[in-house]
Amino acid sequence: MSHLVYVGGRKGGCGKTTTALMLCLGAILRGQPSTYVLTDPVKELKPEGRPFGVIDGRDPASLAQIIANNAKVLNGWLIVDGGGNRPAFDAEMARLADLCLLPFADDEEMTDCVRMDLAAIPDALAWPVNWPTNKMAATSAQRHIDELAQDFPLRLLAPPIFEVRSSKELLGKSLENPSTAVRSAARRAFEIMADRFDEIAHGKAPQPQLAAVG
């Protein structure tokens, strides 16, 4: 069975697609097969010019078949990219996935949305992405991480994925020759995710907790 990772969250534009594509690329760069699954009906499928598999999961029946087939095939990583503003879909995919990630950027509204998603999906992990590299901006942004970590202990994936201006390249017509910056970021993102995945799979990761009371 391939490792099934779901990248979700109700807020559009928080970095789900960029994160999912980066994880797929990072897996390939680490010599592990990966497949990207698009589920957002408003996005365009771009299978050409990518070093990883790309599957259309926008139709519910097709997605169900993809997940069923995944249980029978040993083929690395299946990374499912969720669409925005679909909390019921997020909850169901999180139930089926081995790991559910909720990317969020340095933004008050996105932090509020990921807070709601963490409360609704008990086992999901929030992941700061597209994080500022400027020292002053990073210091200011840290409060989002600190506040979430206080309210949802052990449910943030760290460290953040820093801004590398990768969206345009990852979403372009071809990804056959990624820039050095994108390669480095993809490798790092995959390593962070895979390390936590292994900890969870082997029972070494601290158990996620619900929001703090009072």
C-alpha atoms as a PDB file:
ATOM      1  CA  MET A   1       0.000   0.000   0.000  1.00  0.00           C
ATOM      2  CA  SER A   2       1.293   3.449  -0.882  1.00  0.00           C
ATOM      3  CA  HIS A   3       1.481   5.998   1.925  1.00  0.00           C
ATOM      4  CA  LEU A   4      -1.629   8.161   1.607  1.00  0.00           C
ATOM      5  CA  VAL A   5      -1.096  11.796   2.612  1.00  0.00           C
ATOM      6  CA  TYR A   6      -3.952  14.286   2.403  1.00  0.00           C
ATOM      7  CA  VAL A   7      -3.198  18.006   2.123  1.00  0.00           C
ATOM      8  CA  GLY A   8      -6.362  19.866   3.059  1.00  0.00           C
ATOM      9  CA  GLY A   9      -7.907  22.869   4.775  1.00  0.00           C
ATOM     10  CA  ARG A  10     -10.978  24.985   4.215  1.00  0.00           C
ATOM     11  CA  LYS A  11      -9.137  28.184   3.304  1.00  0.00           C
ATOM     12  CA  GLY A  12      -8.323  28.689  -0.371  1.00  0.00           C
ATOM     13  CA  GLY A  13      -4.883  30.030  -1.221  1.00  0.00           C
ATOM     14  CA  CYS A  14      -3.221  28.714   1.936  1.00  0.00           C
ATOM     15  CA  GLY A  15      -0.658  26.633   0.043  1.00  0.00           C
ATOM     16  CA  LYS A  16      -2.286  23.208  -0.352  1.00  0.00           C
ATOM     17  CA  THR A  17      -1.395  22.697  -4.010  1.00  0.00           C
ATOM     18  CA  THR A  18       2.121  24.066  -3.659  1.00  0.00           C
ATOM     19  CA  THR A  19       2.722  21.854  -0.621  1.00  0.00           C
ATOM     20  CA  ALA A  20       1.322  18.737  -2.308  1.00  0.00           C
ATOM     21  CA  LEU A  21       3.406  19.262  -5.435  1.00  0.00           C
ATOM     22  CA  MET A  22       6.501  20.002  -3.380  1.00  0.00           C
ATOM     23  CA  LEU A  23       6.056  16.751  -1.455  1.00  0.00           C
ATOM     24  CA  CYS A  24       5.705  14.785  -4.681  1.00  0.00           C
ATOM     25  CA  LEU A  25       8.821  16.377  -6.134  1.00  0.00           C
ATOM     26  CA  GLY A  26      10.737  15.875  -2.902  1.00  0.00           C
ATOM     27  CA  ALA A  27       9.873  12.182  -2.865  1.00  0.00           C
ATOM     28  CA  ILE A  28      11.174  11.769  -6.417  1.00  0.00           C
ATOM     29  CA  LEU A  29      14.376  13.635  -5.575  1.00  0.00           C
ATOM     30  CA  ARG A  30      14.842  11.208  -2.680  1.00  0.00           C
ATOM     31  CA  GLY A  31      14.415   8.219  -4.978  1.00  0.00           C
ATOM     32  CA  GLN A  32      10.881   7.341  -3.860  1.00  0.00           C
ATOM     33  CA  PRO A  33       7.963   7.106  -6.302  1.00  0.00           C
ATOM     34  CA  SER A  34       5.094   9.525  -5.791  1.00  0.00           C
ATOM     35  CA  THR A  35       1.758  10.397  -7.341  1.00  0.00           C
ATOM     36  CA  TYR A  36      -0.177  13.657  -7.122  1.00  0.00           C
ATOM     37  CA  VAL A  37      -3.989  13.462  -7.008  1.00  0.00           C
ATOM     38  CA  LEU A  38      -6.033  16.544  -7.892  1.00  0.00           C
ATOM     39  CA  THR A  39      -9.477  16.706  -6.249  1.00  0.00           C
ATOM     40  CA  ASP A  40     -10.381  20.390  -6.555  1.00  0.00           C
ATOM     41  CA  PRO A  41     -13.003  20.674  -9.337  1.00  0.00           C
ATOM     42  CA  VAL A  42     -12.059  24.258 -10.155  1.00  0.00           C
ATOM     43  CA  LYS A  43      -8.389  23.533 -10.844  1.00  0.00           C
ATOM     44  CA  GLU A  44      -6.765  22.359 -14.058  1.00  0.00           C
ATOM     45  CA  LEU A  45      -4.982  19.021 -14.253  1.00  0.00           C
ATOM     46  CA  LYS A  46      -1.402  19.291 -15.544  1.00  0.00           C
ATOM     47  CA  PRO A  47       0.079  15.801 -15.926  1.00  0.00           C
ATOM     48  CA  GLU A  48       2.679  16.599 -18.595  1.00  0.00           C
ATOM     49  CA  GLY A  49       6.253  17.572 -17.831  1.00  0.00           C
ATOM     50  CA  ARG A  50       6.320  16.271 -14.270  1.00  0.00           C
ATOM     51  CA  PRO A  51       8.682  13.660 -12.828  1.00  0.00           C
ATOM     52  CA  PHE A  52       5.899  12.152 -10.711  1.00  0.00           C
ATOM     53  CA  GLY A  53       2.533  10.635 -11.540  1.00  0.00           C
ATOM     54  CA  VAL A  54      -0.522  12.871 -11.828  1.00  0.00           C
ATOM     55  CA  ILE A  55      -4.046  11.498 -11.432  1.00  0.00           C
ATOM     56  CA  ASP A  56      -7.448  13.151 -11.855  1.00  0.00           C
ATOM     57  CA  GLY A  57      -9.496  12.604  -8.706  1.00  0.00           C
ATOM     58  CA  ARG A  58     -12.024  15.374  -9.240  1.00  0.00           C
ATOM     59  CA  ASP A  59     -14.852  12.915  -9.852  1.00  0.00           C
ATOM     60  CA  PRO A  60     -15.902  11.268  -6.543  1.00  0.00           C
ATOM     61  CA  ALA A  61     -16.221   7.810  -8.110  1.00  0.00           C
ATOM     62  CA  SER A  62     -12.763   8.107  -9.658  1.00  0.00           C
ATOM     63  CA  LEU A  63     -11.285   9.266  -6.355  1.00  0.00           C
ATOM     64  CA  ALA A  64     -12.868   6.329  -4.530  1.00  0.00           C
ATOM     65  CA  GLN A  65     -11.336   3.960  -7.072  1.00  0.00           C
ATOM     66  CA  ILE A  66      -7.925   5.622  -6.749  1.00  0.00           C
ATOM     67  CA  ILE A  67      -8.012   5.164  -2.971  1.00  0.00           C
ATOM     68  CA  ALA A  68      -9.204   1.557  -3.306  1.00  0.00           C
ATOM     69  CA  ASN A  69      -6.445   0.767  -5.797  1.00  0.00           C
ATOM     70  CA  ASN A  70      -3.907   2.430  -3.536  1.00  0.00           C
ATOM     71  CA  ALA A  71      -4.586  -0.175  -0.865  1.00  0.00           C
ATOM     72  CA  LYS A  72      -3.445  -2.896  -3.272  1.00  0.00           C
ATOM     73  CA  VAL A  73      -0.329  -1.318  -4.764  1.00  0.00           C
ATOM     74  CA  LEU A  74       3.063  -0.773  -3.174  1.00  0.00           C
ATOM     75  CA  ASN A  75       4.125   2.399  -4.915  1.00  0.00           C
ATOM     76  CA  GLY A  76       5.653   5.018  -2.645  1.00  0.00           C
ATOM     77  CA  TRP A  77       3.542   8.048  -1.844  1.00  0.00           C
ATOM     78  CA  LEU A  78       0.036   9.075  -2.872  1.00  0.00           C
ATOM     79  CA  ILE A  79      -0.369  12.800  -2.175  1.00  0.00           C
ATOM     80  CA  VAL A  80      -3.972  14.022  -2.395  1.00  0.00           C
ATOM     81  CA  ASP A  81      -4.500  17.752  -2.914  1.00  0.00           C
ATOM     82  CA  GLY A  82      -7.787  18.931  -1.396  1.00  0.00           C
ATOM     83  CA  GLY A  83      -9.806  21.941  -2.473  1.00  0.00           C
ATOM     84  CA  GLY A  84     -10.786  24.898  -0.324  1.00  0.00           C
ATOM     85  CA  ASN A  85     -14.036  25.380   1.586  1.00  0.00           C
ATOM     86  CA  ARG A  86     -14.953  21.677   1.774  1.00  0.00           C
ATOM     87  CA  PRO A  87     -14.833  20.828   5.495  1.00  0.00           C
ATOM     88  CA  ALA A  88     -16.911  17.634   5.151  1.00  0.00           C
ATOM     89  CA  PHE A  89     -14.615  16.400   2.373  1.00  0.00           C
ATOM     90  CA  ASP A  90     -11.565  17.267   4.480  1.00  0.00           C
ATOM     91  CA  ALA A  91     -12.916  15.274   7.426  1.00  0.00           C
ATOM     92  CA  GLU A  92     -13.628  12.201   5.303  1.00  0.00           C
ATOM     93  CA  MET A  93     -10.268  12.312   3.536  1.00  0.00           C
ATOM     94  CA  ALA A  94      -8.493  12.755   6.867  1.00  0.00           C
ATOM     95  CA  ARG A  95     -10.242   9.610   8.089  1.00  0.00           C
ATOM     96  CA  LEU A  96      -8.999   7.636   5.066  1.00  0.00           C
ATOM     97  CA  ALA A  97      -5.479   9.068   4.924  1.00  0.00           C
ATOM     98  CA  ASP A  98      -2.432   7.905   6.836  1.00  0.00           C
ATOM     99  CA  LEU A  99      -1.533  11.537   7.488  1.00  0.00           C
ATOM    100  CA  CYS A 100      -3.530  14.762   7.104  1.00  0.00           C
ATOM    101  CA  LEU A 101      -1.671  18.052   6.709  1.00  0.00           C
ATOM    102  CA  LEU A 102      -3.219  21.520   6.964  1.00  0.00           C
ATOM    103  CA  PRO A 103      -0.917  24.141   5.426  1.00  0.00           C
ATOM    104  CA  PHE A 104      -1.298  27.744   6.531  1.00  0.00           C
ATOM    105  CA  ALA A 105       0.558  30.934   5.712  1.00  0.00           C
ATOM    106  CA  ASP A 106       1.528  33.975   7.768  1.00  0.00           C
ATOM    107  CA  ASP A 107      -1.913  35.540   7.736  1.00  0.00           C
ATOM    108  CA  GLU A 108      -4.499  36.183  10.455  1.00  0.00           C
ATOM    109  CA  GLU A 109      -7.423  34.812   8.441  1.00  0.00           C
ATOM    110  CA  MET A 110      -5.535  31.669   7.400  1.00  0.00           C
ATOM    111  CA  THR A 111      -4.470  31.050  10.990  1.00  0.00           C
ATOM    112  CA  ASP A 112      -8.088  31.374  12.137  1.00  0.00           C
ATOM    113  CA  CYS A 113      -9.166  28.898   9.448  1.00  0.00           C
ATOM    114  CA  VAL A 114      -6.518  26.328  10.333  1.00  0.00           C
ATOM    115  CA  ARG A 115      -7.549  26.692  13.966  1.00  0.00           C
ATOM    116  CA  MET A 116     -11.114  25.687  13.024  1.00  0.00           C
ATOM    117  CA  ASP A 117      -9.802  22.789  10.948  1.00  0.00           C
ATOM    118  CA  LEU A 118      -7.632  21.504  13.791  1.00  0.00           C
ATOM    119  CA  ALA A 119     -10.672  21.526  16.070  1.00  0.00           C
ATOM    120  CA  ALA A 120     -12.758  19.676  13.469  1.00  0.00           C
ATOM    121  CA  ILE A 121     -10.125  17.087  12.444  1.00  0.00           C
ATOM    122  CA  PRO A 122      -8.566  15.654  15.618  1.00  0.00           C
ATOM    123  CA  ASP A 123      -5.568  13.887  14.048  1.00  0.00           C
ATOM    124  CA  ALA A 124      -4.594  16.530  11.488  1.00  0.00           C
ATOM    125  CA  LEU A 125      -1.354  18.484  11.722  1.00  0.00           C
ATOM    126  CA  ALA A 126      -1.017  22.166  10.860  1.00  0.00           C
ATOM    127  CA  TRP A 127       2.062  23.122   8.849  1.00  0.00           C
ATOM    128  CA  PRO A 128       3.316  26.709   8.368  1.00  0.00           C
ATOM    129  CA  VAL A 129       4.267  27.115   4.709  1.00  0.00           C
ATOM    130  CA  ASN A 130       5.452  29.924   2.472  1.00  0.00           C
ATOM    131  CA  TRP A 131       6.891  31.329   5.704  1.00  0.00           C
ATOM    132  CA  PRO A 132       8.786  34.638   5.617  1.00  0.00           C
ATOM    133  CA  THR A 133      12.574  34.496   5.542  1.00  0.00           C
ATOM    134  CA  ASN A 134      13.106  38.133   6.513  1.00  0.00           C
ATOM    135  CA  LYS A 135      14.185  38.126  10.159  1.00  0.00           C
ATOM    136  CA  MET A 136      11.796  40.852  11.276  1.00  0.00           C
ATOM    137  CA  ALA A 137       8.834  39.342   9.408  1.00  0.00           C
ATOM    138  CA  ALA A 138       9.648  35.859  10.700  1.00  0.00           C
ATOM    139  CA  THR A 139       9.748  37.128  14.276  1.00  0.00           C
ATOM    140  CA  SER A 140       6.334  38.715  13.835  1.00  0.00           C
ATOM    141  CA  ALA A 141       4.927  35.598  12.181  1.00  0.00           C
ATOM    142  CA  GLN A 142       6.145  33.362  14.995  1.00  0.00           C
ATOM    143  CA  ARG A 143       3.185  34.390  17.139  1.00  0.00           C
ATOM    144  CA  HIS A 144       0.857  32.428  14.835  1.00  0.00           C
ATOM    145  CA  ILE A 145       2.873  29.281  15.486  1.00  0.00           C
ATOM    146  CA  ASP A 146       3.160  29.935  19.211  1.00  0.00           C
ATOM    147  CA  GLU A 147      -0.570  30.550  19.663  1.00  0.00           C
ATOM    148  CA  LEU A 148      -1.559  27.424  17.734  1.00  0.00           C
ATOM    149  CA  ALA A 149       1.016  25.338  19.584  1.00  0.00           C
ATOM    150  CA  GLN A 150      -0.416  26.515  22.892  1.00  0.00           C
ATOM    151  CA  ASP A 151      -4.005  25.727  21.952  1.00  0.00           C
ATOM    152  CA  PHE A 152      -3.238  22.516  20.040  1.00  0.00           C
ATOM    153  CA  PRO A 153      -0.210  20.906  21.696  1.00  0.00           C
ATOM    154  CA  LEU A 154       1.882  18.570  19.516  1.00  0.00           C
ATOM    155  CA  ARG A 155      -0.211  19.269  16.430  1.00  0.00           C
ATOM    156  CA  LEU A 156       2.103  21.547  14.477  1.00  0.00           C
ATOM    157  CA  LEU A 157       4.562  20.133  11.984  1.00  0.00           C
ATOM    158  CA  ALA A 158       7.926  21.861  12.215  1.00  0.00           C
ATOM    159  CA  PRO A 159      10.017  23.532  11.033  1.00  0.00           C
ATOM    160  CA  PRO A 160       8.132  25.805   8.630  1.00  0.00           C
ATOM    161  CA  ILE A 161       8.562  25.612   4.879  1.00  0.00           C
ATOM    162  CA  PHE A 162      10.076  28.949   4.004  1.00  0.00           C
ATOM    163  CA  GLU A 163       9.128  31.115   1.052  1.00  0.00           C
ATOM    164  CA  VAL A 164      11.079  30.218  -2.095  1.00  0.00           C
ATOM    165  CA  ARG A 165       8.754  31.767  -4.710  1.00  0.00           C
ATOM    166  CA  SER A 166       8.019  28.240  -5.884  1.00  0.00           C
ATOM    167  CA  SER A 167       4.316  28.456  -6.754  1.00  0.00           C
ATOM    168  CA  LYS A 168       4.746  29.690 -10.308  1.00  0.00           C
ATOM    169  CA  GLU A 169       7.386  27.090 -11.089  1.00  0.00           C
ATOM    170  CA  LEU A 170       5.518  24.191  -9.491  1.00  0.00           C
ATOM    171  CA  LEU A 171       2.300  25.105 -11.285  1.00  0.00           C
ATOM    172  CA  GLY A 172       3.942  25.841 -14.646  1.00  0.00           C
ATOM    173  CA  LYS A 173       3.634  23.843 -17.844  1.00  0.00           C
ATOM    174  CA  SER A 174       6.736  21.794 -17.092  1.00  0.00           C
ATOM    175  CA  LEU A 175       8.568  20.719 -13.968  1.00  0.00           C
ATOM    176  CA  GLU A 176      11.255  18.629 -15.626  1.00  0.00           C
ATOM    177  CA  ASN A 177      14.153  20.864 -14.567  1.00  0.00           C
ATOM    178  CA  PRO A 178      13.286  22.557 -11.251  1.00  0.00           C
ATOM    179  CA  SER A 179      15.480  25.382 -10.022  1.00  0.00           C
ATOM    180  CA  THR A 180      17.979  24.680  -7.264  1.00  0.00           C
ATOM    181  CA  ALA A 181      15.885  26.614  -4.729  1.00  0.00           C
ATOM    182  CA  VAL A 182      12.775  24.594  -5.512  1.00  0.00           C
ATOM    183  CA  ARG A 183      14.700  21.316  -5.410  1.00  0.00           C
ATOM    184  CA  SER A 184      16.144  22.167  -2.013  1.00  0.00           C
ATOM    185  CA  ALA A 185      12.767  23.241  -0.628  1.00  0.00           C
ATOM    186  CA  ALA A 186      11.069  20.106  -1.997  1.00  0.00           C
ATOM    187  CA  ARG A 187      13.669  17.816  -0.479  1.00  0.00           C
ATOM    188  CA  ARG A 188      13.374  19.543   2.871  1.00  0.00           C
ATOM    189  CA  ALA A 189       9.566  19.499   2.844  1.00  0.00           C
ATOM    190  CA  PHE A 190       9.502  15.807   2.035  1.00  0.00           C
ATOM    191  CA  GLU A 191      12.054  14.994   4.751  1.00  0.00           C
ATOM    192  CA  ILE A 192      10.047  16.868   7.403  1.00  0.00           C
ATOM    193  CA  MET A 193       6.827  15.133   6.382  1.00  0.00           C
ATOM    194  CA  ALA A 194       8.393  11.663   5.997  1.00  0.00           C
ATOM    195  CA  ASP A 195      10.115  11.879   9.390  1.00  0.00           C
ATOM    196  CA  ARG A 196       6.825  12.633  11.148  1.00  0.00           C
ATOM    197  CA  PHE A 197       5.095   9.949   9.085  1.00  0.00           C
ATOM    198  CA  ASP A 198       7.625   7.360  10.257  1.00  0.00           C
ATOM    199  CA  GLU A 199       7.287   8.478  13.872  1.00  0.00           C
ATOM    200  CA  ILE A 200       3.514   8.049  13.695  1.00  0.00           C
ATOM    201  CA  ALA A 201       3.755   4.718  11.862  1.00  0.00           C
ATOM    202  CA  HIS A 202       6.124   3.313  14.477  1.00  0.00           C
ATOM    203  CA  GLY A 203       4.283   4.773  17.451  1.00  0.00           C
ATOM    204  CA  LYS A 204       7.119   7.146  18.350  1.00  0.00           C
ATOM    205  CA  ALA A 205       5.298  10.426  17.766  1.00  0.00           C
ATOM    206  CA  PRO A 206       3.585  12.129  20.729  1.00  0.00           C
ATOM    207  CA  GLN A 207      -0.165  11.709  20.464  1.00  0.00           C
ATOM    208  CA  PRO A 208      -1.961  14.808  19.126  1.00  0.00           C
ATOM    209  CA  GLN A 209      -4.251  16.524  21.600  1.00  0.00           C
ATOM    210  CA  LEU A 210      -7.473  18.439  21.298  1.00  0.00           C
ATOM    211  CA  ALA A 211      -7.660  22.143  21.945  1.00  0.00           C
ATOM    212  CA  ALA A 212      -6.761  23.274  25.432  1.00  0.00           C
ATOM    213  CA  VAL A 213      -9.746  23.951  27.664  1.00  0.00           C
ATOM    214  CA  GLY A 214     -10.173  27.234  29.466  1.00  0.00           C
END
